[in-house]
């Protein structure tokens, strides 16, 4: 964990090539993802987007999401 404050948390998550996070949803928080390097296939709701470095993904609470 890089930062853990009452108002926010900052984590660095590395997804290795060919791997993905589980499809998940959060009812009590929004998330923002910043793609720092490589290419990511991001699923939010029913949408899939192929994103590269400097991309920002806003995920509202209650929306299913994952990254590959």
C-alpha atoms as a PDB file:
ATOM      1  CA  UNK A   1       0.000   0.000   0.000  1.00  0.00           C
ATOM      2  CA  UNK A   2       1.416   3.365  -0.977  1.00  0.00           C
ATOM      3  CA  UNK A   3      -1.051   5.468   0.975  1.00  0.00           C
ATOM      4  CA  UNK A   4      -3.915   4.678   3.354  1.00  0.00           C
ATOM      5  CA  UNK A   5      -5.887   7.694   4.535  1.00  0.00           C
ATOM      6  CA  UNK A   6      -9.460   8.075   5.835  1.00  0.00           C
ATOM      7  CA  UNK A   7     -10.504   9.704   2.553  1.00  0.00           C
ATOM      8  CA  UNK A   8      -8.610   7.498   0.077  1.00  0.00           C
ATOM      9  CA  UNK A   9      -6.219   4.620  -0.550  1.00  0.00           C
ATOM     10  CA  UNK A  10      -3.498   4.384  -3.173  1.00  0.00           C
ATOM     11  CA  UNK A  11      -2.290   0.953  -4.254  1.00  0.00           C
ATOM     12  CA  UNK A  12       0.086  -0.145  -6.967  1.00  0.00           C
ATOM     13  CA  UNK A  13      -1.210  -3.299  -8.633  1.00  0.00           C
ATOM     14  CA  UNK A  14       0.827  -5.172 -11.223  1.00  0.00           C
ATOM     15  CA  UNK A  15      -1.068  -7.432 -13.620  1.00  0.00           C
ATOM     16  CA  UNK A  16       1.330  -9.716 -15.450  1.00  0.00           C
ATOM     17  CA  UNK A  17       0.939 -10.367 -19.166  1.00  0.00           C
ATOM     18  CA  UNK A  18      -1.797 -12.945 -19.804  1.00  0.00           C
ATOM     19  CA  UNK A  19      -3.208 -12.571 -16.278  1.00  0.00           C
ATOM     20  CA  UNK A  20      -6.289 -10.685 -15.058  1.00  0.00           C
ATOM     21  CA  UNK A  21      -8.012  -9.579 -11.890  1.00  0.00           C
ATOM     22  CA  UNK A  22     -11.327 -11.183 -10.944  1.00  0.00           C
ATOM     23  CA  UNK A  23     -14.558  -9.538 -12.048  1.00  0.00           C
ATOM     24  CA  UNK A  24     -15.613  -7.485  -9.033  1.00  0.00           C
ATOM     25  CA  UNK A  25     -17.897  -4.735  -7.817  1.00  0.00           C
ATOM     26  CA  UNK A  26     -17.814  -2.416  -4.808  1.00  0.00           C
ATOM     27  CA  UNK A  27     -20.949  -0.975  -3.243  1.00  0.00           C
ATOM     28  CA  UNK A  28     -19.263   1.570  -0.948  1.00  0.00           C
ATOM     29  CA  UNK A  29     -16.522   3.114  -3.091  1.00  0.00           C
ATOM     30  CA  UNK A  30     -15.600   4.411  -6.509  1.00  0.00           C
ATOM     31  CA  UNK A  31     -12.228   3.584  -8.056  1.00  0.00           C
ATOM     32  CA  UNK A  32      -9.826   5.335 -10.398  1.00  0.00           C
ATOM     33  CA  UNK A  33      -7.219   3.349 -12.289  1.00  0.00           C
ATOM     34  CA  UNK A  34      -4.176   4.852 -13.964  1.00  0.00           C
ATOM     35  CA  UNK A  35      -2.463   2.732 -16.608  1.00  0.00           C
ATOM     36  CA  UNK A  36       1.249   3.423 -16.151  1.00  0.00           C
ATOM     37  CA  UNK A  37       2.802   1.092 -18.727  1.00  0.00           C
ATOM     38  CA  UNK A  38       1.879  -1.639 -21.169  1.00  0.00           C
ATOM     39  CA  UNK A  39      -1.556  -2.306 -22.618  1.00  0.00           C
ATOM     40  CA  UNK A  40      -4.628  -3.146 -20.563  1.00  0.00           C
ATOM     41  CA  UNK A  41      -7.981  -4.608 -21.530  1.00  0.00           C
ATOM     42  CA  UNK A  42     -10.358  -2.961 -19.059  1.00  0.00           C
ATOM     43  CA  UNK A  43     -13.904  -4.225 -18.547  1.00  0.00           C
ATOM     44  CA  UNK A  44     -16.405  -1.831 -16.962  1.00  0.00           C
ATOM     45  CA  UNK A  45     -20.015  -2.956 -17.016  1.00  0.00           C
ATOM     46  CA  UNK A  46     -20.653  -4.339 -20.519  1.00  0.00           C
ATOM     47  CA  UNK A  47     -17.792  -2.375 -22.141  1.00  0.00           C
ATOM     48  CA  UNK A  48     -14.284  -3.533 -22.970  1.00  0.00           C
ATOM     49  CA  UNK A  49     -11.624  -0.943 -23.759  1.00  0.00           C
ATOM     50  CA  UNK A  50      -8.016  -1.510 -24.809  1.00  0.00           C
ATOM     51  CA  UNK A  51      -5.979   1.213 -23.094  1.00  0.00           C
ATOM     52  CA  UNK A  52      -2.341   2.225 -22.951  1.00  0.00           C
ATOM     53  CA  UNK A  53      -0.041   4.330 -20.782  1.00  0.00           C
ATOM     54  CA  UNK A  54      -1.460   7.573 -19.362  1.00  0.00           C
ATOM     55  CA  UNK A  55      -5.045   6.283 -19.607  1.00  0.00           C
ATOM     56  CA  UNK A  56      -7.362   6.905 -16.683  1.00  0.00           C
ATOM     57  CA  UNK A  57     -10.379   4.717 -15.896  1.00  0.00           C
ATOM     58  CA  UNK A  58     -13.152   5.970 -13.606  1.00  0.00           C
ATOM     59  CA  UNK A  59     -15.219   3.156 -12.076  1.00  0.00           C
ATOM     60  CA  UNK A  60     -18.369   4.215 -10.207  1.00  0.00           C
ATOM     61  CA  UNK A  61     -19.501   2.164  -7.215  1.00  0.00           C
ATOM     62  CA  UNK A  62     -21.731  -0.750  -8.133  1.00  0.00           C
ATOM     63  CA  UNK A  63     -20.227  -1.250 -11.631  1.00  0.00           C
ATOM     64  CA  UNK A  64     -18.605  -4.617 -12.391  1.00  0.00           C
ATOM     65  CA  UNK A  65     -14.987  -4.250 -13.478  1.00  0.00           C
ATOM     66  CA  UNK A  66     -11.733  -6.046 -14.142  1.00  0.00           C
ATOM     67  CA  UNK A  67      -8.405  -5.521 -15.870  1.00  0.00           C
ATOM     68  CA  UNK A  68      -6.334  -7.856 -18.004  1.00  0.00           C
END
